[in-house]
Amino acid sequence: MITGLWLPIITPFKDNAVDFKSYERLIEHYLALGVDGLFPLGTTGESPTLDEAEIDELVERTVATVAGRVPVFVGVGGNATAKVEKALKRLERHAFEGIVSVCPYYNRPGQDGLLAHFRAIAAATDRDVLIYNIPYRTAVNLSNDSLIELAAVKNIVGVKDSSGSIAQSLELLARRPEGFSVLTGEDALYFTMMANGAEGGILAASHVMTERFIEVGRRFADNDVAGARAAWAPLAPMVPLLFAEANPMPIKYLLWRQGLIASPECRLPLTRISDGLAKRLDAFFAERRAA
C-alpha cells in the first residue's frame, strides 16, 4: 500500500531554466530527512509550465537520484484522455513506480466520463495509479461511489484526497476497500485525517518543518494520539501561511532563504510572494528559532 509522508516536490528555476543542481540537492535533503515517497511534476512542481524535454529530464534525474530508496510517482494527468495516454507512453522508459493523475479539469465530465477516463489511463500503463481529486481546482468532484468503483481496477491503488469536504473525506475513509490507500492532500487536515485512519499525506507544506510532519505520522503509527497532537501543534499555524499566496511561491521563498535552492523564482503566471508575506514568514520562523 501507498503509505506515509509523500513530498510533491517543487521544481526550482533559475533564469527561467530548470535548476537541476538545486533539484537534486532537494531530493537528497528530503530523503535524508525520511520522506516516504516523492511526487514530481505535480502542480506544486509547476508542471503546466514545463515542456516535454524538461519533463523527460526531470523524471530521468528524479529516478537516477532517488536510485530506488523510495518510490517515485510522477504527475501525469490532464483533461484530454488520449493526451494523457500519449504522455504515459513517452515516459514509460523511465523506471518510476507509479503516477498521480488529477481529475480532468475545466471540461467538467460527468461521473461516467471520469470513470471511463481513469479506466483508460489505468489500461494504458502497467504502473500503479493514484487518483487526485481536488474539485475546487478542477471544477469536478469524483464521488466516493465512483472512486470505490475505480478501486476495483487492479492498478488503481489509492487517492490523493483533496475533496474540500471533511464529510466526503471521512465517508471515504469509512468505506474504502481493503488495500486501497487514502492519502490526504489537504495540508491543514493532516492531523484530522490521520486520526481517522488515512494512510498518509501528500503535502506541499512538508517542504518546511519536514521532521515534524514525519513525526506526526510516526506517532499515529505507534497509536500515540497525544504525541501526534503535540507534533502537529507548531505546524497548525504554519500551514495557512504557506498558502496565503499562490502555491508554491511561499514555499520557494522559504527554501531559498534556507539556501536549499538558488532562486525563489516561479514561472508565469506565478511570480513571487509579496513583501508583506515575506515579512510574516521571516517573523514566524525567527520566533521559532528564538523559542
Protein backbone atom coordinates (compact mmCIF):
# COMPACT_ATOMS: atom_id res chain seq x y z
CA MET A 1 0.00 0.00 0.00
CA ILE A 2 0.97 3.62 -0.53
CA THR A 3 1.59 4.99 2.94
CA GLY A 4 3.41 7.69 4.87
CA LEU A 5 4.52 11.22 4.07
CA TRP A 6 4.98 11.95 0.37
CA LEU A 7 6.55 15.13 -0.95
CA PRO A 8 5.06 16.79 -4.06
CA ILE A 9 8.44 18.28 -4.79
CA ILE A 10 8.86 21.77 -6.24
CA THR A 11 10.73 22.42 -9.49
CA PRO A 12 13.47 25.02 -8.92
CA PHE A 13 14.12 27.58 -11.65
CA LYS A 14 17.00 29.95 -12.23
CA ASP A 15 16.90 32.49 -15.04
CA ASN A 16 13.78 30.72 -16.32
CA ALA A 17 15.60 27.38 -16.76
CA VAL A 18 15.12 24.31 -14.59
CA ASP A 19 17.82 24.37 -11.91
CA PHE A 20 18.73 20.68 -11.86
CA LYS A 21 21.58 21.22 -9.39
CA SER A 22 19.19 22.62 -6.79
CA TYR A 23 16.62 19.94 -7.67
CA GLU A 24 19.00 17.06 -7.00
CA ARG A 25 20.13 18.76 -3.77
CA LEU A 26 16.49 18.95 -2.67
CA ILE A 27 15.95 15.25 -3.35
CA GLU A 28 18.95 14.29 -1.23
CA HIS A 29 17.85 16.68 1.53
CA TYR A 30 14.35 15.24 1.82
CA LEU A 31 15.44 11.63 1.51
CA ALA A 32 17.87 12.24 4.38
CA LEU A 33 15.00 13.64 6.46
CA GLY A 34 12.97 10.48 5.87
CA VAL A 35 10.12 11.18 3.45
CA ASP A 36 8.38 8.02 2.29
CA GLY A 37 7.92 8.90 -1.36
CA LEU A 38 8.44 11.59 -3.99
CA PHE A 39 5.86 13.06 -6.34
CA PRO A 40 7.49 15.16 -9.08
CA LEU A 41 5.51 17.05 -11.72
CA GLY A 42 2.52 17.96 -9.61
CA THR A 43 1.08 21.44 -9.67
CA THR A 44 3.36 22.24 -6.70
CA GLY A 45 6.11 21.38 -9.19
CA GLU A 46 4.55 23.84 -11.68
CA SER A 47 4.13 21.04 -14.21
CA PRO A 48 1.87 23.06 -16.55
CA THR A 49 4.81 25.40 -17.26
CA LEU A 50 7.24 22.64 -18.27
CA ASP A 51 7.84 21.49 -21.83
CA GLU A 52 8.22 17.85 -22.85
CA ALA A 53 12.03 17.90 -22.83
CA GLU A 54 12.09 19.37 -19.31
CA ILE A 55 9.55 16.83 -18.09
CA ASP A 56 11.56 13.94 -19.52
CA GLU A 57 14.78 15.18 -17.94
CA LEU A 58 13.13 15.82 -14.57
CA VAL A 59 11.75 12.28 -14.50
CA GLU A 60 15.10 10.82 -15.57
CA ARG A 61 17.03 12.79 -12.94
CA THR A 62 14.49 12.01 -10.21
CA VAL A 63 14.71 8.28 -10.83
CA ALA A 64 18.52 8.37 -11.05
CA THR A 65 18.96 10.45 -7.89
CA VAL A 66 16.45 8.51 -5.81
CA ALA A 67 18.02 5.25 -7.00
CA GLY A 68 15.28 3.09 -5.52
CA ARG A 69 15.48 4.46 -1.99
CA VAL A 70 11.80 5.49 -2.00
CA PRO A 71 9.02 5.06 -4.57
CA VAL A 72 8.51 7.78 -7.17
CA PHE A 73 5.05 8.60 -8.52
CA VAL A 74 5.09 11.05 -11.44
CA GLY A 75 2.32 13.53 -12.12
CA VAL A 76 0.70 12.52 -15.43
CA GLY A 77 -2.76 13.94 -15.90
CA GLY A 78 -4.91 16.21 -17.99
CA ASN A 79 -8.33 16.88 -19.40
CA ALA A 80 -7.85 15.01 -22.69
CA THR A 81 -7.63 11.28 -22.08
CA ALA A 82 -5.75 10.47 -25.30
CA LYS A 83 -3.07 13.06 -24.49
CA VAL A 84 -2.56 11.53 -21.03
CA GLU A 85 -2.18 8.09 -22.61
CA LYS A 86 0.35 9.51 -25.07
CA ALA A 87 2.36 11.10 -22.23
CA LEU A 88 2.38 7.78 -20.39
CA LYS A 89 3.80 6.01 -23.44
CA ARG A 90 6.51 8.67 -23.79
CA LEU A 91 7.58 8.36 -20.16
CA GLU A 92 7.32 4.60 -19.68
CA ARG A 93 11.02 4.06 -20.44
CA HIS A 94 11.80 5.58 -17.02
CA ALA A 95 11.74 3.26 -14.01
CA PHE A 96 9.29 5.02 -11.71
CA GLU A 97 6.73 3.10 -9.69
CA GLY A 98 3.50 4.91 -10.47
CA ILE A 99 1.65 8.04 -11.45
CA VAL A 100 -0.58 10.59 -9.77
CA SER A 101 -3.34 11.60 -12.16
CA VAL A 102 -5.66 14.52 -11.48
CA CYS A 103 -9.34 14.58 -12.37
CA PRO A 104 -9.93 16.24 -15.74
CA TYR A 105 -10.25 19.98 -15.24
CA TYR A 106 -12.33 22.69 -16.91
CA ASN A 107 -14.41 20.46 -19.21
CA ARG A 108 -16.31 19.06 -16.19
CA PRO A 109 -17.13 15.47 -17.29
CA GLY A 110 -19.87 13.59 -15.50
CA GLN A 111 -19.19 10.56 -13.33
CA ASP A 112 -19.43 8.30 -16.37
CA GLY A 113 -16.73 10.32 -18.11
CA LEU A 114 -14.50 10.28 -15.04
CA LEU A 115 -14.87 6.51 -14.73
CA ALA A 116 -14.02 5.99 -18.42
CA HIS A 117 -11.08 8.43 -18.20
CA PHE A 118 -9.37 6.70 -15.29
CA ARG A 119 -10.08 3.20 -16.60
CA ALA A 120 -8.43 4.17 -19.90
CA ILE A 121 -5.39 5.60 -18.10
CA ALA A 122 -5.03 2.50 -15.93
CA ALA A 123 -5.26 0.30 -19.02
CA ALA A 124 -2.56 2.36 -20.75
CA THR A 125 0.12 1.64 -18.14
CA ASP A 126 1.48 -1.20 -16.06
CA ARG A 127 2.36 1.27 -13.28
CA ASP A 128 0.31 1.98 -10.20
CA VAL A 129 -2.19 4.84 -10.48
CA LEU A 130 -3.07 7.23 -7.67
CA ILE A 131 -6.09 9.39 -8.47
CA TYR A 132 -6.03 13.05 -7.40
CA ASN A 133 -9.44 14.50 -6.54
CA ILE A 134 -9.36 18.27 -6.00
CA PRO A 135 -12.71 19.72 -7.10
CA TYR A 136 -12.07 23.30 -6.02
CA ARG A 137 -9.34 23.45 -8.69
CA THR A 138 -10.76 21.13 -11.35
CA ALA A 139 -14.48 22.10 -11.03
CA VAL A 140 -15.45 18.43 -10.96
CA ASN A 141 -15.81 16.11 -7.96
CA LEU A 142 -15.12 12.39 -8.21
CA SER A 143 -17.77 10.88 -5.96
CA ASN A 144 -16.94 8.28 -3.36
CA ASP A 145 -19.17 5.81 -5.21
CA SER A 146 -17.14 6.33 -8.38
CA LEU A 147 -13.83 6.16 -6.53
CA ILE A 148 -14.75 2.89 -4.85
CA GLU A 149 -15.79 1.52 -8.25
CA LEU A 150 -12.39 2.51 -9.65
CA ALA A 151 -10.63 0.87 -6.70
CA ALA A 152 -11.62 -2.47 -8.22
CA VAL A 153 -9.22 -1.77 -11.13
CA LYS A 154 -6.06 -3.71 -10.32
CA ASN A 155 -3.51 -0.90 -10.69
CA ILE A 156 -5.62 1.94 -9.27
CA VAL A 157 -4.15 1.78 -5.79
CA GLY A 158 -5.33 4.89 -3.99
CA VAL A 159 -6.30 8.53 -3.97
CA LYS A 160 -4.80 11.87 -3.08
CA ASP A 161 -7.91 13.21 -1.41
CA SER A 162 -8.40 16.97 -1.58
CA SER A 163 -12.17 16.87 -1.87
CA GLY A 164 -12.56 20.01 0.22
CA SER A 165 -15.35 18.30 2.17
CA ILE A 166 -14.47 16.75 5.50
CA ALA A 167 -17.75 14.81 5.37
CA GLN A 168 -16.84 13.30 1.99
CA SER A 169 -13.31 12.50 3.17
CA LEU A 170 -14.45 10.82 6.37
CA GLU A 171 -17.06 8.81 4.49
CA LEU A 172 -14.35 7.67 2.08
CA LEU A 173 -12.16 6.52 4.97
CA ALA A 174 -15.08 4.53 6.36
CA ARG A 175 -15.96 2.92 3.01
CA ARG A 176 -12.64 2.38 1.24
CA PRO A 177 -11.88 -1.25 0.33
CA GLU A 178 -9.01 -3.13 1.90
CA GLY A 179 -5.68 -2.33 0.27
CA PHE A 180 -6.82 0.99 -1.18
CA SER A 181 -4.80 3.94 0.14
CA VAL A 182 -6.28 7.27 1.12
CA LEU A 183 -3.63 9.98 1.41
CA THR A 184 -4.79 13.46 2.22
CA GLY A 185 -3.74 16.36 0.05
CA GLU A 186 -5.31 18.84 2.47
CA ASP A 187 -2.29 20.03 4.43
CA ALA A 188 -4.36 21.66 7.18
CA LEU A 189 -6.30 18.42 7.71
CA TYR A 190 -3.29 16.10 8.02
CA PHE A 191 -3.76 15.50 11.75
CA THR A 192 -7.54 15.08 11.39
CA MET A 193 -7.29 12.63 8.50
CA MET A 194 -4.56 10.58 10.16
CA ALA A 195 -6.62 10.44 13.34
CA ASN A 196 -9.44 8.94 11.27
CA GLY A 197 -7.31 6.29 9.61
CA ALA A 198 -5.76 7.82 6.49
CA GLU A 199 -2.64 6.06 5.25
CA GLY A 200 -0.65 9.28 4.98
CA GLY A 201 -0.42 12.59 3.17
CA ILE A 202 0.93 14.19 0.01
CA LEU A 203 1.63 17.60 1.43
CA ALA A 204 3.23 20.64 -0.19
CA ALA A 205 3.68 22.18 3.26
CA SER A 206 6.01 19.33 4.25
CA HIS A 207 8.79 21.04 2.30
CA VAL A 208 9.10 23.03 5.55
CA MET A 209 9.46 21.57 9.05
CA THR A 210 9.54 18.18 7.38
CA GLU A 211 10.67 16.36 10.52
CA ARG A 212 7.51 17.49 12.31
CA PHE A 213 5.25 16.11 9.58
CA ILE A 214 7.12 12.82 9.70
CA GLU A 215 6.82 12.74 13.48
CA VAL A 216 3.04 13.14 13.28
CA GLY A 217 2.85 10.03 11.12
CA ARG A 218 5.20 8.06 13.34
CA ARG A 219 3.20 8.92 16.44
CA PHE A 220 -0.01 7.74 14.80
CA ALA A 221 1.73 4.52 13.73
CA ASP A 222 2.51 3.97 17.43
CA ASN A 223 -1.10 4.79 18.43
CA ASP A 224 0.21 7.80 20.32
CA VAL A 225 -2.51 10.35 19.59
CA ALA A 226 -1.31 12.76 22.29
CA GLY A 227 2.21 12.65 20.85
CA ALA A 228 0.86 13.23 17.33
CA ARG A 229 -1.13 16.21 18.58
CA ALA A 230 1.98 17.68 20.19
CA ALA A 231 3.98 17.18 16.98
CA TRP A 232 1.19 18.81 14.98
CA ALA A 233 0.80 21.85 17.26
CA PRO A 234 3.59 24.01 15.71
CA LEU A 235 2.53 23.01 12.18
CA ALA A 236 -1.08 24.18 12.53
CA PRO A 237 -0.27 27.93 12.45
CA MET A 238 2.39 27.49 9.74
CA VAL A 239 0.27 25.77 7.10
CA PRO A 240 -2.06 28.74 6.43
CA LEU A 241 0.99 31.00 5.96
CA LEU A 242 2.31 28.71 3.22
CA PHE A 243 -0.95 29.05 1.31
CA ALA A 244 -1.62 32.73 1.98
CA GLU A 245 -0.47 33.37 -1.59
CA ALA A 246 -0.29 31.05 -4.59
CA ASN A 247 1.50 27.74 -4.02
CA PRO A 248 4.46 27.16 -4.40
CA MET A 249 5.58 30.80 -4.15
CA PRO A 250 5.79 30.91 -0.31
CA ILE A 251 7.50 27.51 -0.15
CA LYS A 252 10.08 28.52 -2.74
CA TYR A 253 10.78 31.71 -0.80
CA LEU A 254 11.50 29.72 2.36
CA LEU A 255 13.64 27.13 0.57
CA TRP A 256 15.63 29.96 -0.99
CA ARG A 257 16.06 31.63 2.41
CA GLN A 258 17.42 28.32 3.75
CA GLY A 259 19.89 28.06 0.87
CA LEU A 260 18.33 24.88 -0.48
CA ILE A 261 17.55 26.41 -3.88
CA ALA A 262 19.42 29.13 -5.76
CA SER A 263 16.39 31.27 -6.56
CA PRO A 264 12.77 31.59 -5.39
CA GLU A 265 11.53 32.23 -8.91
CA CYS A 266 8.44 30.64 -10.39
CA ARG A 267 7.26 30.63 -13.98
CA LEU A 268 4.50 32.90 -15.16
CA PRO A 269 1.69 33.28 -14.43
CA LEU A 270 3.14 32.79 -10.93
CA THR A 271 5.56 35.45 -9.73
CA ARG A 272 6.97 35.94 -6.21
CA ILE A 273 5.38 36.47 -2.83
CA SER A 274 4.55 39.94 -1.59
CA ASP A 275 6.88 41.84 0.73
CA GLY A 276 4.19 41.61 3.39
CA LEU A 277 4.02 37.83 3.33
CA ALA A 278 7.82 37.59 3.22
CA LYS A 279 7.98 39.60 6.44
CA ARG A 280 5.32 37.41 8.07
CA LEU A 281 7.19 34.23 7.11
CA ASP A 282 10.51 35.62 8.30
CA ALA A 283 8.96 36.69 11.61
CA PHE A 284 7.28 33.32 12.14
CA PHE A 285 10.49 31.36 11.70
CA ALA A 286 12.59 33.87 13.63
CA GLU A 287 10.20 33.42 16.54
CA ARG A 288 10.50 29.64 16.30
CA ARG A 289 14.30 29.81 16.29
CA ALA A 290 14.23 32.07 19.35
CA ALA A 291 11.84 29.80 21.26
